[in-house]
Amino acid sequence: MAGGYKYFEAIEKRALLLGVFTAIMVSLGGLAEITPIFMAAHAVKPTLGLKPYDPLRLAGKDIYVREGCYLCHTQMVRALRAETQRYGAFSTAEESVYDRPHQWGSKRTGPDLARVGGKYSDEWQRRHLLDPRSVVPESNMPSYPWLSQALVDGADIQARMRTLRLLGDPYSDADIEGAAAAVGGHTEMEALIAYLQGLGIANEPAGVSANKQEGTP
């Protein structure tokens, strides 16, 4: 016992050696905790029927991130009664397989948008983006009039789809080839609305909610 303590004493009295061994042990402990989580995250599979974003919605998602919408809106309904009663079924990791980056979070200046798809009409969404207070008087959301003027860049969307395919999204050559035509002539406003209208609704074609009842968030 006494002989074994000499080794510990030797380490404790040498700051550099103690620091090296401490770093090694902390690294091993961290790997033991992080590695299973990392592996589990890569094992997550998409929900049944979920497909990667079509070109227009992919453009809308990138505009959503670019304009900082995630700073005020989450897309994560937590498994709490108050949340599920207001927003719908709680969120699962499988829903966000094709989100890079995912839009989960906890900061809510505005309502959660995980299930907003189809809740309002396309026209309501357009008015809300152009002049939020025209449909929600108490809103402090800024307006985004420039989105109705800027057109979606088809070549950029094709490049993004090629990159996402390298990361595992199942885009085919035909999907990428037709992307430019799919977004041709569409404004960034239309792309963002298409993205919002698809949230929480797997594979629903853009614009199908046009006849749904308008409302307020």
C-alpha atoms as a PDB file:
ATOM      1  CA  MET A   1       0.000   0.000   0.000  1.00  0.00           C
ATOM      2  CA  ALA A   2       2.784   2.362   1.038  1.00  0.00           C
ATOM      3  CA  GLY A   3       4.709   1.510  -2.113  1.00  0.00           C
ATOM      4  CA  GLY A   4       1.698   2.315  -4.278  1.00  0.00           C
ATOM      5  CA  TYR A   5       1.201   5.671  -2.577  1.00  0.00           C
ATOM      6  CA  LYS A   6       4.701   6.728  -3.613  1.00  0.00           C
ATOM      7  CA  TYR A   7       3.581   6.816  -7.216  1.00  0.00           C
ATOM      8  CA  PHE A   8       0.561   9.003  -6.381  1.00  0.00           C
ATOM      9  CA  GLU A   9       2.748  11.281  -4.309  1.00  0.00           C
ATOM     10  CA  ALA A  10       5.228  11.592  -7.146  1.00  0.00           C
ATOM     11  CA  ILE A  11       2.424  12.656  -9.492  1.00  0.00           C
ATOM     12  CA  GLU A  12       0.816  15.057  -6.985  1.00  0.00           C
ATOM     13  CA  LYS A  13       4.089  16.867  -6.359  1.00  0.00           C
ATOM     14  CA  ARG A  14       4.743  17.488 -10.066  1.00  0.00           C
ATOM     15  CA  ALA A  15       2.261  20.012 -11.446  1.00  0.00           C
ATOM     16  CA  LEU A  16       2.985  19.260 -15.106  1.00  0.00           C
ATOM     17  CA  LEU A  17       2.631  15.506 -14.649  1.00  0.00           C
ATOM     18  CA  LEU A  18      -0.552  15.977 -12.614  1.00  0.00           C
ATOM     19  CA  GLY A  19      -1.965  18.217 -15.341  1.00  0.00           C
ATOM     20  CA  VAL A  20      -1.192  15.671 -18.066  1.00  0.00           C
ATOM     21  CA  PHE A  21      -2.806  12.781 -16.201  1.00  0.00           C
ATOM     22  CA  THR A  22      -5.814  14.940 -15.277  1.00  0.00           C
ATOM     23  CA  ALA A  23      -6.305  15.899 -18.942  1.00  0.00           C
ATOM     24  CA  ILE A  24      -6.100  12.233 -19.965  1.00  0.00           C
ATOM     25  CA  MET A  25      -8.693  11.131 -17.415  1.00  0.00           C
ATOM     26  CA  VAL A  26     -11.056  13.995 -18.223  1.00  0.00           C
ATOM     27  CA  SER A  27     -10.748  13.162 -21.940  1.00  0.00           C
ATOM     28  CA  LEU A  28     -11.528   9.511 -21.332  1.00  0.00           C
ATOM     29  CA  GLY A  29     -14.538  10.414 -19.189  1.00  0.00           C
ATOM     30  CA  GLY A  30     -15.779  12.862 -21.794  1.00  0.00           C
ATOM     31  CA  LEU A  31     -15.450  10.311 -24.587  1.00  0.00           C
ATOM     32  CA  ALA A  32     -17.313   7.738 -22.508  1.00  0.00           C
ATOM     33  CA  GLU A  33     -20.240  10.155 -22.164  1.00  0.00           C
ATOM     34  CA  ILE A  34     -20.213  11.867 -25.559  1.00  0.00           C
ATOM     35  CA  THR A  35     -19.514   8.941 -27.912  1.00  0.00           C
ATOM     36  CA  PRO A  36     -22.790   7.047 -27.230  1.00  0.00           C
ATOM     37  CA  ILE A  37     -24.795  10.248 -27.702  1.00  0.00           C
ATOM     38  CA  PHE A  38     -22.953  11.033 -30.932  1.00  0.00           C
ATOM     39  CA  MET A  39     -23.542   7.526 -32.268  1.00  0.00           C
ATOM     40  CA  ALA A  40     -27.223   7.604 -31.257  1.00  0.00           C
ATOM     41  CA  ALA A  41     -27.707  10.936 -33.058  1.00  0.00           C
ATOM     42  CA  HIS A  42     -26.363   9.452 -36.301  1.00  0.00           C
ATOM     43  CA  ALA A  43     -28.639   6.451 -35.893  1.00  0.00           C
ATOM     44  CA  VAL A  44     -31.799   8.592 -35.973  1.00  0.00           C
ATOM     45  CA  LYS A  45     -33.948   7.738 -38.984  1.00  0.00           C
ATOM     46  CA  PRO A  46     -36.577   9.994 -40.619  1.00  0.00           C
ATOM     47  CA  THR A  47     -40.213   9.461 -39.744  1.00  0.00           C
ATOM     48  CA  LEU A  48     -42.260   7.350 -42.143  1.00  0.00           C
ATOM     49  CA  GLY A  49     -42.911   9.258 -45.355  1.00  0.00           C
ATOM     50  CA  LEU A  50     -40.563  12.134 -44.528  1.00  0.00           C
ATOM     51  CA  LYS A  51     -38.513  13.317 -47.502  1.00  0.00           C
ATOM     52  CA  PRO A  52     -35.839  15.993 -47.837  1.00  0.00           C
ATOM     53  CA  TYR A  53     -37.007  19.504 -48.677  1.00  0.00           C
ATOM     54  CA  ASP A  54     -38.110  20.141 -52.225  1.00  0.00           C
ATOM     55  CA  PRO A  55     -36.162  22.968 -53.960  1.00  0.00           C
ATOM     56  CA  LEU A  56     -38.594  25.774 -53.135  1.00  0.00           C
ATOM     57  CA  ARG A  57     -38.905  24.827 -49.463  1.00  0.00           C
ATOM     58  CA  LEU A  58     -35.160  24.328 -49.212  1.00  0.00           C
ATOM     59  CA  ALA A  59     -34.731  27.886 -50.451  1.00  0.00           C
ATOM     60  CA  GLY A  60     -37.320  29.044 -47.928  1.00  0.00           C
ATOM     61  CA  LYS A  61     -35.541  27.285 -45.068  1.00  0.00           C
ATOM     62  CA  ASP A  62     -32.276  29.000 -45.957  1.00  0.00           C
ATOM     63  CA  ILE A  63     -34.042  32.374 -46.124  1.00  0.00           C
ATOM     64  CA  TYR A  64     -35.630  31.658 -42.728  1.00  0.00           C
ATOM     65  CA  VAL A  65     -32.161  31.087 -41.251  1.00  0.00           C
ATOM     66  CA  ARG A  66     -30.596  34.010 -43.140  1.00  0.00           C
ATOM     67  CA  GLU A  67     -33.181  36.485 -41.876  1.00  0.00           C
ATOM     68  CA  GLY A  68     -32.725  35.304 -38.273  1.00  0.00           C
ATOM     69  CA  CYS A  69     -36.277  34.042 -37.770  1.00  0.00           C
ATOM     70  CA  TYR A  70     -34.914  31.355 -35.438  1.00  0.00           C
ATOM     71  CA  LEU A  71     -33.853  34.074 -32.998  1.00  0.00           C
ATOM     72  CA  CYS A  72     -37.492  34.654 -32.015  1.00  0.00           C
ATOM     73  CA  HIS A  73     -39.216  31.405 -33.041  1.00  0.00           C
ATOM     74  CA  THR A  74     -38.429  27.844 -32.017  1.00  0.00           C
ATOM     75  CA  GLN A  75     -39.499  24.680 -33.797  1.00  0.00           C
ATOM     76  CA  MET A  76     -39.578  22.417 -30.777  1.00  0.00           C
ATOM     77  CA  VAL A  77     -42.828  21.523 -29.041  1.00  0.00           C
ATOM     78  CA  ARG A  78     -41.852  20.104 -25.677  1.00  0.00           C
ATOM     79  CA  ALA A  79     -43.622  17.188 -24.014  1.00  0.00           C
ATOM     80  CA  LEU A  80     -45.535  19.422 -21.617  1.00  0.00           C
ATOM     81  CA  ARG A  81     -49.327  19.657 -21.476  1.00  0.00           C
ATOM     82  CA  ALA A  82     -49.329  23.437 -21.915  1.00  0.00           C
ATOM     83  CA  GLU A  83     -47.209  23.085 -25.048  1.00  0.00           C
ATOM     84  CA  THR A  84     -49.053  20.209 -26.688  1.00  0.00           C
ATOM     85  CA  GLN A  85     -52.428  21.846 -26.023  1.00  0.00           C
ATOM     86  CA  ARG A  86     -51.294  25.027 -27.759  1.00  0.00           C
ATOM     87  CA  TYR A  87     -49.012  23.764 -30.514  1.00  0.00           C
ATOM     88  CA  GLY A  88     -49.843  20.095 -31.086  1.00  0.00           C
ATOM     89  CA  ALA A  89     -47.861  16.861 -30.777  1.00  0.00           C
ATOM     90  CA  PHE A  90     -44.456  17.208 -29.178  1.00  0.00           C
ATOM     91  CA  SER A  91     -41.414  17.261 -31.439  1.00  0.00           C
ATOM     92  CA  THR A  92     -39.172  14.272 -32.101  1.00  0.00           C
ATOM     93  CA  ALA A  93     -35.617  14.054 -33.419  1.00  0.00           C
ATOM     94  CA  GLU A  94     -36.809  12.016 -36.394  1.00  0.00           C
ATOM     95  CA  GLU A  95     -38.683  15.038 -37.748  1.00  0.00           C
ATOM     96  CA  SER A  96     -35.498  17.101 -37.963  1.00  0.00           C
ATOM     97  CA  VAL A  97     -33.272  14.593 -39.778  1.00  0.00           C
ATOM     98  CA  TYR A  98     -33.069  16.822 -42.849  1.00  0.00           C
ATOM     99  CA  ASP A  99     -32.636  20.101 -40.943  1.00  0.00           C
ATOM    100  CA  ARG A 100     -29.102  21.456 -40.997  1.00  0.00           C
ATOM    101  CA  PRO A 101     -29.034  23.266 -38.678  1.00  0.00           C
ATOM    102  CA  HIS A 102     -32.136  22.136 -36.790  1.00  0.00           C
ATOM    103  CA  GLN A 103     -34.396  24.891 -35.455  1.00  0.00           C
ATOM    104  CA  TRP A 104     -34.937  23.578 -31.951  1.00  0.00           C
ATOM    105  CA  GLY A 105     -34.317  25.935 -29.057  1.00  0.00           C
ATOM    106  CA  SER A 106     -35.871  27.656 -26.072  1.00  0.00           C
ATOM    107  CA  LYS A 107     -36.005  31.370 -26.987  1.00  0.00           C
ATOM    108  CA  ARG A 108     -39.552  32.410 -27.847  1.00  0.00           C
ATOM    109  CA  THR A 109     -40.336  36.002 -28.563  1.00  0.00           C
ATOM    110  CA  GLY A 110     -42.893  34.734 -31.057  1.00  0.00           C
ATOM    111  CA  PRO A 111     -44.859  31.458 -31.011  1.00  0.00           C
ATOM    112  CA  ASP A 112     -43.335  28.080 -31.808  1.00  0.00           C
ATOM    113  CA  LEU A 113     -43.616  27.225 -35.509  1.00  0.00           C
ATOM    114  CA  ALA A 114     -43.107  23.446 -35.476  1.00  0.00           C
ATOM    115  CA  ARG A 115     -46.763  22.793 -36.398  1.00  0.00           C
ATOM    116  CA  VAL A 116     -47.632  26.041 -38.176  1.00  0.00           C
ATOM    117  CA  GLY A 117     -47.939  24.404 -41.613  1.00  0.00           C
ATOM    118  CA  GLY A 118     -51.423  24.895 -43.037  1.00  0.00           C
ATOM    119  CA  LYS A 119     -52.669  26.754 -39.968  1.00  0.00           C
ATOM    120  CA  TYR A 120     -53.089  29.962 -41.968  1.00  0.00           C
ATOM    121  CA  SER A 121     -53.535  30.662 -45.660  1.00  0.00           C
ATOM    122  CA  ASP A 122     -50.686  31.649 -47.974  1.00  0.00           C
ATOM    123  CA  GLU A 123     -52.215  35.123 -48.236  1.00  0.00           C
ATOM    124  CA  TRP A 124     -52.256  35.497 -44.455  1.00  0.00           C
ATOM    125  CA  GLN A 125     -48.579  34.528 -44.332  1.00  0.00           C
ATOM    126  CA  ARG A 126     -47.760  37.046 -47.069  1.00  0.00           C
ATOM    127  CA  ARG A 127     -49.545  39.871 -45.259  1.00  0.00           C
ATOM    128  CA  HIS A 128     -47.914  38.874 -41.999  1.00  0.00           C
ATOM    129  CA  LEU A 129     -44.433  39.056 -43.525  1.00  0.00           C
ATOM    130  CA  LEU A 130     -45.122  42.374 -45.289  1.00  0.00           C
ATOM    131  CA  ASP A 131     -46.863  44.063 -42.344  1.00  0.00           C
ATOM    132  CA  PRO A 132     -47.147  41.914 -39.199  1.00  0.00           C
ATOM    133  CA  ARG A 133     -49.361  44.377 -37.328  1.00  0.00           C
ATOM    134  CA  SER A 134     -51.975  44.326 -40.089  1.00  0.00           C
ATOM    135  CA  VAL A 135     -52.958  40.829 -38.961  1.00  0.00           C
ATOM    136  CA  VAL A 136     -51.585  40.718 -35.383  1.00  0.00           C
ATOM    137  CA  PRO A 137     -51.873  44.247 -33.899  1.00  0.00           C
ATOM    138  CA  GLU A 138     -49.784  43.439 -30.809  1.00  0.00           C
ATOM    139  CA  SER A 139     -46.910  41.894 -32.816  1.00  0.00           C
ATOM    140  CA  ASN A 140     -43.374  43.269 -32.463  1.00  0.00           C
ATOM    141  CA  MET A 141     -42.103  41.307 -35.459  1.00  0.00           C
ATOM    142  CA  PRO A 142     -40.274  43.324 -38.157  1.00  0.00           C
ATOM    143  CA  SER A 143     -41.569  43.388 -41.726  1.00  0.00           C
ATOM    144  CA  TYR A 144     -39.745  41.806 -44.663  1.00  0.00           C
ATOM    145  CA  PRO A 145     -40.868  43.692 -47.800  1.00  0.00           C
ATOM    146  CA  TRP A 146     -37.644  42.982 -49.738  1.00  0.00           C
ATOM    147  CA  LEU A 147     -38.510  39.281 -49.881  1.00  0.00           C
ATOM    148  CA  SER A 148     -41.286  40.006 -52.358  1.00  0.00           C
ATOM    149  CA  GLN A 149     -38.782  41.579 -54.777  1.00  0.00           C
ATOM    150  CA  ALA A 150     -35.799  39.189 -54.651  1.00  0.00           C
ATOM    151  CA  LEU A 151     -35.890  36.045 -56.792  1.00  0.00           C
ATOM    152  CA  VAL A 152     -34.614  32.633 -55.711  1.00  0.00           C
ATOM    153  CA  ASP A 153     -31.288  31.654 -57.280  1.00  0.00           C
ATOM    154  CA  GLY A 154     -31.765  28.258 -58.944  1.00  0.00           C
ATOM    155  CA  ALA A 155     -28.039  27.566 -59.368  1.00  0.00           C
ATOM    156  CA  ASP A 156     -27.467  28.213 -55.668  1.00  0.00           C
ATOM    157  CA  ILE A 157     -30.210  25.767 -54.712  1.00  0.00           C
ATOM    158  CA  GLN A 158     -28.707  23.106 -56.963  1.00  0.00           C
ATOM    159  CA  ALA A 159     -25.323  23.600 -55.283  1.00  0.00           C
ATOM    160  CA  ARG A 160     -26.938  23.300 -51.851  1.00  0.00           C
ATOM    161  CA  MET A 161     -28.711  20.105 -52.842  1.00  0.00           C
ATOM    162  CA  ARG A 162     -25.447  18.577 -54.073  1.00  0.00           C
ATOM    163  CA  THR A 163     -23.814  19.411 -50.755  1.00  0.00           C
ATOM    164  CA  LEU A 164     -26.728  17.995 -48.768  1.00  0.00           C
ATOM    165  CA  ARG A 165     -26.541  14.796 -50.797  1.00  0.00           C
ATOM    166  CA  LEU A 166     -22.930  14.419 -49.690  1.00  0.00           C
ATOM    167  CA  LEU A 167     -24.192  14.714 -46.110  1.00  0.00           C
ATOM    168  CA  GLY A 168     -26.742  11.957 -46.628  1.00  0.00           C
ATOM    169  CA  ASP A 169     -29.911  13.590 -47.964  1.00  0.00           C
ATOM    170  CA  PRO A 170     -31.375  11.269 -50.639  1.00  0.00           C
ATOM    171  CA  TYR A 171     -31.562  13.713 -53.548  1.00  0.00           C
ATOM    172  CA  SER A 172     -31.404  12.071 -56.948  1.00  0.00           C
ATOM    173  CA  ASP A 173     -29.669  13.467 -60.031  1.00  0.00           C
ATOM    174  CA  ALA A 174     -33.115  14.240 -61.442  1.00  0.00           C
ATOM    175  CA  ASP A 175     -34.074  16.164 -58.285  1.00  0.00           C
ATOM    176  CA  ILE A 176     -30.970  18.329 -58.567  1.00  0.00           C
ATOM    177  CA  GLU A 177     -31.280  18.758 -62.325  1.00  0.00           C
ATOM    178  CA  GLY A 178     -34.864  20.004 -61.997  1.00  0.00           C
ATOM    179  CA  ALA A 179     -34.232  22.312 -59.045  1.00  0.00           C
ATOM    180  CA  ALA A 180     -33.520  25.427 -61.099  1.00  0.00           C
ATOM    181  CA  ALA A 181     -36.768  25.031 -63.022  1.00  0.00           C
ATOM    182  CA  ALA A 182     -38.690  24.319 -59.808  1.00  0.00           C
ATOM    183  CA  VAL A 183     -37.688  27.638 -58.230  1.00  0.00           C
ATOM    184  CA  GLY A 184     -37.506  29.654 -61.454  1.00  0.00           C
ATOM    185  CA  GLY A 185     -39.477  32.899 -61.232  1.00  0.00           C
ATOM    186  CA  HIS A 186     -40.339  32.411 -57.559  1.00  0.00           C
ATOM    187  CA  THR A 187     -39.634  35.190 -55.106  1.00  0.00           C
ATOM    188  CA  GLU A 188     -37.960  34.701 -51.747  1.00  0.00           C
ATOM    189  CA  MET A 189     -41.303  35.573 -50.160  1.00  0.00           C
ATOM    190  CA  GLU A 190     -42.953  32.643 -51.939  1.00  0.00           C
ATOM    191  CA  ALA A 191     -40.124  30.327 -50.914  1.00  0.00           C
ATOM    192  CA  LEU A 192     -40.350  31.327 -47.259  1.00  0.00           C
ATOM    193  CA  ILE A 193     -44.135  30.882 -47.262  1.00  0.00           C
ATOM    194  CA  ALA A 194     -43.741  27.437 -48.851  1.00  0.00           C
ATOM    195  CA  TYR A 195     -41.293  26.506 -46.094  1.00  0.00           C
ATOM    196  CA  LEU A 196     -43.610  27.731 -43.336  1.00  0.00           C
ATOM    197  CA  GLN A 197     -46.612  25.973 -44.860  1.00  0.00           C
ATOM    198  CA  GLY A 198     -44.745  22.673 -44.818  1.00  0.00           C
ATOM    199  CA  LEU A 199     -43.689  22.764 -41.157  1.00  0.00           C
ATOM    200  CA  GLY A 200     -45.208  19.788 -39.391  1.00  0.00           C
ATOM    201  CA  ILE A 201     -46.826  18.475 -42.584  1.00  0.00           C
ATOM    202  CA  ALA A 202     -44.648  15.821 -44.249  1.00  0.00           C
ATOM    203  CA  ASN A 203     -44.598  15.924 -48.058  1.00  0.00           C
ATOM    204  CA  GLU A 204     -47.577  18.225 -48.467  1.00  0.00           C
ATOM    205  CA  PRO A 205     -47.201  20.114 -51.779  1.00  0.00           C
ATOM    206  CA  ALA A 206     -46.573  23.841 -51.504  1.00  0.00           C
ATOM    207  CA  GLY A 207     -49.693  25.970 -51.625  1.00  0.00           C
ATOM    208  CA  VAL A 208     -52.248  23.344 -50.623  1.00  0.00           C
ATOM    209  CA  SER A 209     -53.224  25.409 -47.610  1.00  0.00           C
ATOM    210  CA  ALA A 210     -54.389  28.374 -49.680  1.00  0.00           C
ATOM    211  CA  ASN A 211     -58.030  27.680 -48.939  1.00  0.00           C
ATOM    212  CA  LYS A 212     -57.624  27.033 -45.222  1.00  0.00           C
ATOM    213  CA  GLN A 213     -59.180  29.412 -42.769  1.00  0.00           C
ATOM    214  CA  GLU A 214     -57.204  32.468 -41.779  1.00  0.00           C
ATOM    215  CA  GLY A 215     -56.493  33.223 -38.134  1.00  0.00           C
ATOM    216  CA  THR A 216     -54.067  34.729 -35.679  1.00  0.00           C
ATOM    217  CA  PRO A 217     -51.161  33.033 -33.881  1.00  0.00           C
END
